[in-house]
Amino acid sequence: PVGPLAPSFIQPQQAASQSPPVPTLTLSKSLSKTLKRLLKTLTRALYLLSLSSTLLLLYPLTPSSTFLPLLVSSVEVSGAAVIKLFQWASSRPDMFGAKFCALFKRLQDETKPHRFKHT
């Protein structure tokens, strides 16, 4: 039986004409959000690379009395994860030496607070 009382699986024309709407606006917002996050991540990575590469280039040319304070300054602006790593390192004089640990102990108590957004 074909007609208004027929089951929906018998009328294929009706099923083909009712395709689901394509969520283009949602897709473009999602893509935009992803691209913004990727751009922010790449910018942050380039910033950290510039800090570390500058220090690596200065290392052979600079005495340790000058280099270590520069390293502390760059760690302070590098973010919470890097600060945490160096806080741990400053608690290990058996691995990094007493002079290094004494200088980096400053990161234990004297770090500047940062916004959560920065993290």
N, C-alpha and C. Protein backbone atom coordinates (compact mmCIF):
# COMPACT_ATOMS: atom_id res chain seq x y z
N PRO A 1 0.83 -1.19 0.00
CA PRO A 1 0.00 0.00 0.00
C PRO A 1 0.87 1.25 0.00
N VAL A 2 0.66 2.08 -0.99
CA VAL A 2 1.37 3.35 -1.08
C VAL A 2 0.35 4.45 -0.85
N GLY A 3 0.68 5.38 0.01
CA GLY A 3 -0.25 6.45 0.31
C GLY A 3 0.04 7.02 1.68
N PRO A 4 -0.85 7.85 2.21
CA PRO A 4 -0.59 8.49 3.49
C PRO A 4 -0.56 7.52 4.67
N LEU A 5 -1.17 6.36 4.54
CA LEU A 5 -1.18 5.40 5.63
C LEU A 5 -0.06 4.38 5.53
N ALA A 6 0.77 4.45 4.51
CA ALA A 6 1.86 3.50 4.32
C ALA A 6 2.98 3.78 5.31
N PRO A 7 3.69 2.75 5.76
CA PRO A 7 4.84 2.95 6.66
C PRO A 7 5.93 3.77 5.96
N SER A 8 6.78 4.44 6.75
CA SER A 8 7.79 5.35 6.19
C SER A 8 8.85 4.62 5.39
N PHE A 9 9.12 3.35 5.67
CA PHE A 9 10.16 2.66 4.93
C PHE A 9 9.73 2.31 3.51
N ILE A 10 8.45 2.43 3.20
CA ILE A 10 7.96 2.14 1.85
C ILE A 10 8.08 3.38 0.97
N GLN A 11 8.15 4.55 1.53
CA GLN A 11 8.20 5.78 0.74
C GLN A 11 9.63 6.35 0.75
N PRO A 12 10.51 5.88 -0.15
CA PRO A 12 11.90 6.32 -0.14
C PRO A 12 12.09 7.77 -0.57
N GLN A 13 11.20 8.35 -1.36
CA GLN A 13 11.37 9.73 -1.80
C GLN A 13 11.31 10.68 -0.62
N GLN A 14 10.44 10.40 0.32
CA GLN A 14 10.27 11.27 1.47
C GLN A 14 11.52 11.23 2.35
N ALA A 15 12.11 10.06 2.55
CA ALA A 15 13.30 9.93 3.39
C ALA A 15 14.50 10.62 2.76
N ALA A 16 14.62 10.55 1.42
CA ALA A 16 15.75 11.16 0.75
C ALA A 16 15.66 12.68 0.76
N SER A 17 14.46 13.22 0.74
CA SER A 17 14.32 14.67 0.69
C SER A 17 14.52 15.33 2.05
N GLN A 18 14.49 14.58 3.11
CA GLN A 18 14.64 15.15 4.45
C GLN A 18 16.04 14.83 4.99
N SER A 19 17.08 15.43 4.42
CA SER A 19 18.43 15.22 4.91
C SER A 19 18.66 16.13 6.12
N PRO A 20 19.52 15.70 7.04
CA PRO A 20 19.76 16.52 8.23
C PRO A 20 20.48 17.81 7.86
N PRO A 21 20.21 18.90 8.56
CA PRO A 21 20.87 20.17 8.25
C PRO A 21 22.37 20.10 8.59
N VAL A 22 23.17 20.74 7.76
CA VAL A 22 24.62 20.75 7.96
C VAL A 22 24.96 21.89 8.92
N PRO A 23 25.62 21.59 10.02
CA PRO A 23 25.95 22.63 11.00
C PRO A 23 27.19 23.43 10.59
N THR A 24 27.09 24.27 9.59
CA THR A 24 28.24 25.03 9.10
C THR A 24 28.71 26.07 10.10
N LEU A 25 27.78 26.72 10.78
CA LEU A 25 28.17 27.75 11.74
C LEU A 25 28.94 27.13 12.90
N THR A 26 28.50 26.01 13.39
CA THR A 26 29.19 25.33 14.48
C THR A 26 30.57 24.87 14.04
N LEU A 27 30.67 24.37 12.82
CA LEU A 27 31.95 23.90 12.30
C LEU A 27 32.92 25.06 12.16
N SER A 28 32.46 26.19 11.66
CA SER A 28 33.36 27.33 11.49
C SER A 28 33.80 27.90 12.84
N LYS A 29 32.91 27.92 13.83
CA LYS A 29 33.31 28.38 15.17
C LYS A 29 34.33 27.45 15.78
N SER A 30 34.11 26.15 15.60
CA SER A 30 35.04 25.16 16.14
C SER A 30 36.40 25.27 15.47
N LEU A 31 36.41 25.45 14.17
CA LEU A 31 37.66 25.60 13.43
C LEU A 31 38.37 26.88 13.84
N SER A 32 37.61 27.94 14.00
CA SER A 32 38.20 29.21 14.43
C SER A 32 38.82 29.09 15.82
N LYS A 33 38.13 28.43 16.72
CA LYS A 33 38.63 28.24 18.08
C LYS A 33 39.92 27.40 18.06
N THR A 34 39.93 26.36 17.25
CA THR A 34 41.10 25.50 17.14
C THR A 34 42.29 26.26 16.57
N LEU A 35 42.04 27.07 15.54
CA LEU A 35 43.12 27.85 14.94
C LEU A 35 43.68 28.90 15.90
N LYS A 36 42.80 29.53 16.68
CA LYS A 36 43.26 30.51 17.67
C LYS A 36 44.14 29.85 18.72
N ARG A 37 43.70 28.67 19.18
CA ARG A 37 44.49 27.95 20.19
C ARG A 37 45.84 27.52 19.62
N LEU A 38 45.85 27.06 18.38
CA LEU A 38 47.09 26.67 17.73
C LEU A 38 48.03 27.86 17.58
N LEU A 39 47.49 29.00 17.20
CA LEU A 39 48.30 30.21 17.05
C LEU A 39 48.89 30.64 18.40
N LYS A 40 48.07 30.59 19.47
CA LYS A 40 48.58 30.94 20.79
C LYS A 40 49.68 29.98 21.23
N THR A 41 49.50 28.70 20.96
CA THR A 41 50.50 27.70 21.35
C THR A 41 51.80 27.91 20.59
N LEU A 42 51.70 28.16 19.29
CA LEU A 42 52.91 28.40 18.50
C LEU A 42 53.62 29.67 18.93
N THR A 43 52.86 30.71 19.26
CA THR A 43 53.46 31.96 19.73
C THR A 43 54.20 31.74 21.03
N ARG A 44 53.58 30.99 21.95
CA ARG A 44 54.22 30.69 23.24
C ARG A 44 55.48 29.86 23.04
N ALA A 45 55.42 28.88 22.15
CA ALA A 45 56.58 28.03 21.88
C ALA A 45 57.73 28.85 21.29
N LEU A 46 57.42 29.76 20.38
CA LEU A 46 58.47 30.62 19.81
C LEU A 46 59.07 31.55 20.86
N TYR A 47 58.23 32.04 21.77
CA TYR A 47 58.73 32.90 22.85
C TYR A 47 59.70 32.13 23.74
N LEU A 48 59.30 30.93 24.15
CA LEU A 48 60.17 30.13 25.00
C LEU A 48 61.44 29.71 24.27
N LEU A 49 61.32 29.43 22.99
CA LEU A 49 62.49 29.08 22.18
C LEU A 49 63.45 30.25 22.09
N SER A 50 62.92 31.46 21.93
CA SER A 50 63.80 32.63 21.86
C SER A 50 64.53 32.86 23.18
N LEU A 51 63.83 32.65 24.29
CA LEU A 51 64.49 32.79 25.59
C LEU A 51 65.61 31.77 25.77
N SER A 52 65.29 30.52 25.49
CA SER A 52 66.28 29.47 25.73
C SER A 52 67.43 29.54 24.73
N SER A 53 67.16 29.86 23.48
CA SER A 53 68.25 29.92 22.49
C SER A 53 69.20 31.07 22.79
N THR A 54 68.67 32.18 23.26
CA THR A 54 69.54 33.31 23.65
C THR A 54 70.47 32.89 24.77
N LEU A 55 69.92 32.19 25.76
CA LEU A 55 70.76 31.74 26.87
C LEU A 55 71.79 30.71 26.42
N LEU A 56 71.39 29.82 25.53
CA LEU A 56 72.34 28.83 25.04
C LEU A 56 73.48 29.48 24.26
N LEU A 57 73.18 30.54 23.53
CA LEU A 57 74.23 31.25 22.80
C LEU A 57 75.15 32.03 23.75
N LEU A 58 74.59 32.54 24.84
CA LEU A 58 75.39 33.31 25.80
C LEU A 58 76.22 32.44 26.72
N TYR A 59 75.82 31.19 26.91
CA TYR A 59 76.46 30.33 27.90
C TYR A 59 77.98 30.23 27.74
N PRO A 60 78.51 29.94 26.55
CA PRO A 60 79.97 29.82 26.45
C PRO A 60 80.71 31.15 26.60
N LEU A 61 80.01 32.26 26.41
CA LEU A 61 80.66 33.57 26.42
C LEU A 61 80.56 34.29 27.76
N THR A 62 79.74 33.78 28.67
CA THR A 62 79.44 34.50 29.90
C THR A 62 79.94 33.71 31.10
N PRO A 63 80.58 34.40 32.07
CA PRO A 63 80.97 33.69 33.29
C PRO A 63 79.72 33.28 34.09
N SER A 64 79.86 32.24 34.89
CA SER A 64 78.70 31.72 35.63
C SER A 64 78.12 32.73 36.60
N SER A 65 78.94 33.66 37.09
CA SER A 65 78.41 34.66 38.02
C SER A 65 77.42 35.59 37.32
N THR A 66 77.52 35.73 36.02
CA THR A 66 76.58 36.54 35.24
C THR A 66 75.49 35.69 34.61
N PHE A 67 75.85 34.49 34.19
CA PHE A 67 74.91 33.64 33.47
C PHE A 67 73.78 33.13 34.36
N LEU A 68 74.09 32.69 35.57
CA LEU A 68 73.04 32.13 36.43
C LEU A 68 71.96 33.14 36.80
N PRO A 69 72.29 34.40 37.13
CA PRO A 69 71.20 35.37 37.34
C PRO A 69 70.34 35.61 36.09
N LEU A 70 70.98 35.58 34.91
CA LEU A 70 70.20 35.68 33.67
C LEU A 70 69.26 34.49 33.51
N LEU A 71 69.74 33.32 33.88
CA LEU A 71 68.92 32.12 33.81
C LEU A 71 67.74 32.20 34.77
N VAL A 72 67.98 32.70 35.97
CA VAL A 72 66.88 32.86 36.94
C VAL A 72 65.83 33.82 36.39
N SER A 73 66.27 34.92 35.81
CA SER A 73 65.33 35.90 35.24
C SER A 73 64.50 35.29 34.11
N SER A 74 65.14 34.52 33.26
CA SER A 74 64.39 33.92 32.16
C SER A 74 63.44 32.83 32.65
N VAL A 75 63.80 32.13 33.69
CA VAL A 75 62.91 31.12 34.27
C VAL A 75 61.67 31.79 34.86
N GLU A 76 61.87 32.93 35.52
CA GLU A 76 60.74 33.63 36.14
C GLU A 76 59.69 34.08 35.12
N VAL A 77 60.10 34.42 33.92
CA VAL A 77 59.14 34.86 32.91
C VAL A 77 58.67 33.71 32.01
N SER A 78 59.20 32.52 32.21
CA SER A 78 58.85 31.40 31.34
C SER A 78 57.55 30.71 31.71
N GLY A 79 57.06 30.92 32.90
CA GLY A 79 55.78 30.32 33.26
C GLY A 79 55.88 29.35 34.41
N ALA A 80 54.70 28.92 34.85
CA ALA A 80 54.60 28.12 36.07
C ALA A 80 55.27 26.76 35.95
N ALA A 81 55.16 26.10 34.83
CA ALA A 81 55.74 24.77 34.68
C ALA A 81 57.27 24.82 34.76
N VAL A 82 57.86 25.81 34.12
CA VAL A 82 59.32 25.94 34.15
C VAL A 82 59.77 26.33 35.56
N ILE A 83 59.03 27.20 36.21
CA ILE A 83 59.37 27.58 37.58
C ILE A 83 59.33 26.36 38.49
N LYS A 84 58.30 25.53 38.35
CA LYS A 84 58.19 24.31 39.16
C LYS A 84 59.40 23.40 38.95
N LEU A 85 59.82 23.25 37.70
CA LEU A 85 60.97 22.41 37.41
C LEU A 85 62.22 22.93 38.11
N PHE A 86 62.43 24.23 38.05
CA PHE A 86 63.61 24.79 38.69
C PHE A 86 63.47 24.87 40.21
N GLN A 87 62.27 24.94 40.73
CA GLN A 87 62.09 24.83 42.18
C GLN A 87 62.55 23.46 42.64
N TRP A 88 62.18 22.44 41.89
CA TRP A 88 62.63 21.09 42.24
C TRP A 88 64.16 21.01 42.14
N ALA A 89 64.70 21.56 41.04
CA ALA A 89 66.16 21.51 40.86
C ALA A 89 66.90 22.22 41.98
N SER A 90 66.31 23.30 42.49
CA SER A 90 66.99 24.05 43.55
C SER A 90 67.00 23.30 44.88
N SER A 91 66.20 22.27 44.97
CA SER A 91 66.20 21.47 46.21
C SER A 91 67.14 20.27 46.11
N ARG A 92 67.94 20.18 45.03
CA ARG A 92 68.82 19.04 44.82
C ARG A 92 70.29 19.48 44.68
N PRO A 93 70.93 19.91 45.78
CA PRO A 93 72.34 20.32 45.66
C PRO A 93 73.26 19.15 45.30
N ASP A 94 72.82 17.93 45.57
CA ASP A 94 73.64 16.78 45.20
C ASP A 94 73.71 16.60 43.67
N MET A 95 72.73 17.12 42.96
CA MET A 95 72.73 16.98 41.50
C MET A 95 73.21 18.23 40.78
N PHE A 96 72.90 19.41 41.31
CA PHE A 96 73.16 20.65 40.57
C PHE A 96 74.20 21.56 41.21
N GLY A 97 74.66 21.24 42.37
CA GLY A 97 75.68 22.05 43.03
C GLY A 97 75.08 23.09 43.97
N ALA A 98 75.86 23.45 44.97
CA ALA A 98 75.38 24.36 46.01
C ALA A 98 75.15 25.78 45.48
N LYS A 99 76.03 26.25 44.60
CA LYS A 99 75.91 27.61 44.08
C LYS A 99 74.61 27.76 43.27
N PHE A 100 74.35 26.80 42.40
CA PHE A 100 73.13 26.80 41.60
C PHE A 100 71.90 26.79 42.50
N CYS A 101 71.89 25.90 43.47
CA CYS A 101 70.73 25.75 44.35
C CYS A 101 70.50 26.99 45.21
N ALA A 102 71.59 27.61 45.68
CA ALA A 102 71.44 28.82 46.49
C ALA A 102 70.81 29.94 45.67
N LEU A 103 71.19 30.05 44.42
CA LEU A 103 70.65 31.10 43.57
C LEU A 103 69.19 30.84 43.20
N PHE A 104 68.86 29.58 42.94
CA PHE A 104 67.51 29.24 42.51
C PHE A 104 66.54 29.01 43.67
N LYS A 105 67.04 29.03 44.91
CA LYS A 105 66.14 28.96 46.07
C LYS A 105 65.18 30.14 46.09
N ARG A 106 65.58 31.21 45.44
CA ARG A 106 64.73 32.39 45.35
C ARG A 106 63.39 32.05 44.69
N LEU A 107 63.38 31.07 43.82
CA LEU A 107 62.14 30.66 43.16
C LEU A 107 61.18 29.95 44.12
N GLN A 108 61.68 29.49 45.25
CA GLN A 108 60.83 28.79 46.21
C GLN A 108 59.84 29.74 46.87
N ASP A 109 60.34 30.91 47.29
CA ASP A 109 59.50 31.83 48.08
C ASP A 109 59.28 33.20 47.47
N GLU A 110 60.11 33.60 46.56
CA GLU A 110 60.07 34.98 46.08
C GLU A 110 59.58 35.12 44.64
N THR A 111 58.82 34.18 44.15
CA THR A 111 58.31 34.33 42.78
C THR A 111 57.12 35.28 42.77
N LYS A 112 56.98 35.95 41.67
CA LYS A 112 55.85 36.86 41.51
C LYS A 112 54.61 36.04 41.17
N PRO A 113 53.49 36.33 41.79
CA PRO A 113 52.26 35.61 41.42
C PRO A 113 51.84 36.00 40.01
N HIS A 114 51.21 35.07 39.34
CA HIS A 114 50.75 35.32 37.98
C HIS A 114 49.27 34.98 37.88
N ARG A 115 48.62 35.54 36.87
CA ARG A 115 47.20 35.27 36.66
C ARG A 115 47.00 33.83 36.22
N PHE A 116 45.85 33.29 36.52
CA PHE A 116 45.53 31.93 36.11
C PHE A 116 45.49 31.84 34.59
N LYS A 117 45.06 32.90 33.94
CA LYS A 117 45.01 32.92 32.48
C LYS A 117 46.38 32.70 31.87
N HIS A 118 47.41 33.20 32.54
CA HIS A 118 48.79 33.04 32.06
C HIS A 118 49.23 31.59 32.11
N THR A 119 48.68 30.85 33.05
CA THR A 119 49.05 29.44 33.20
C THR A 119 48.42 28.68 32.09
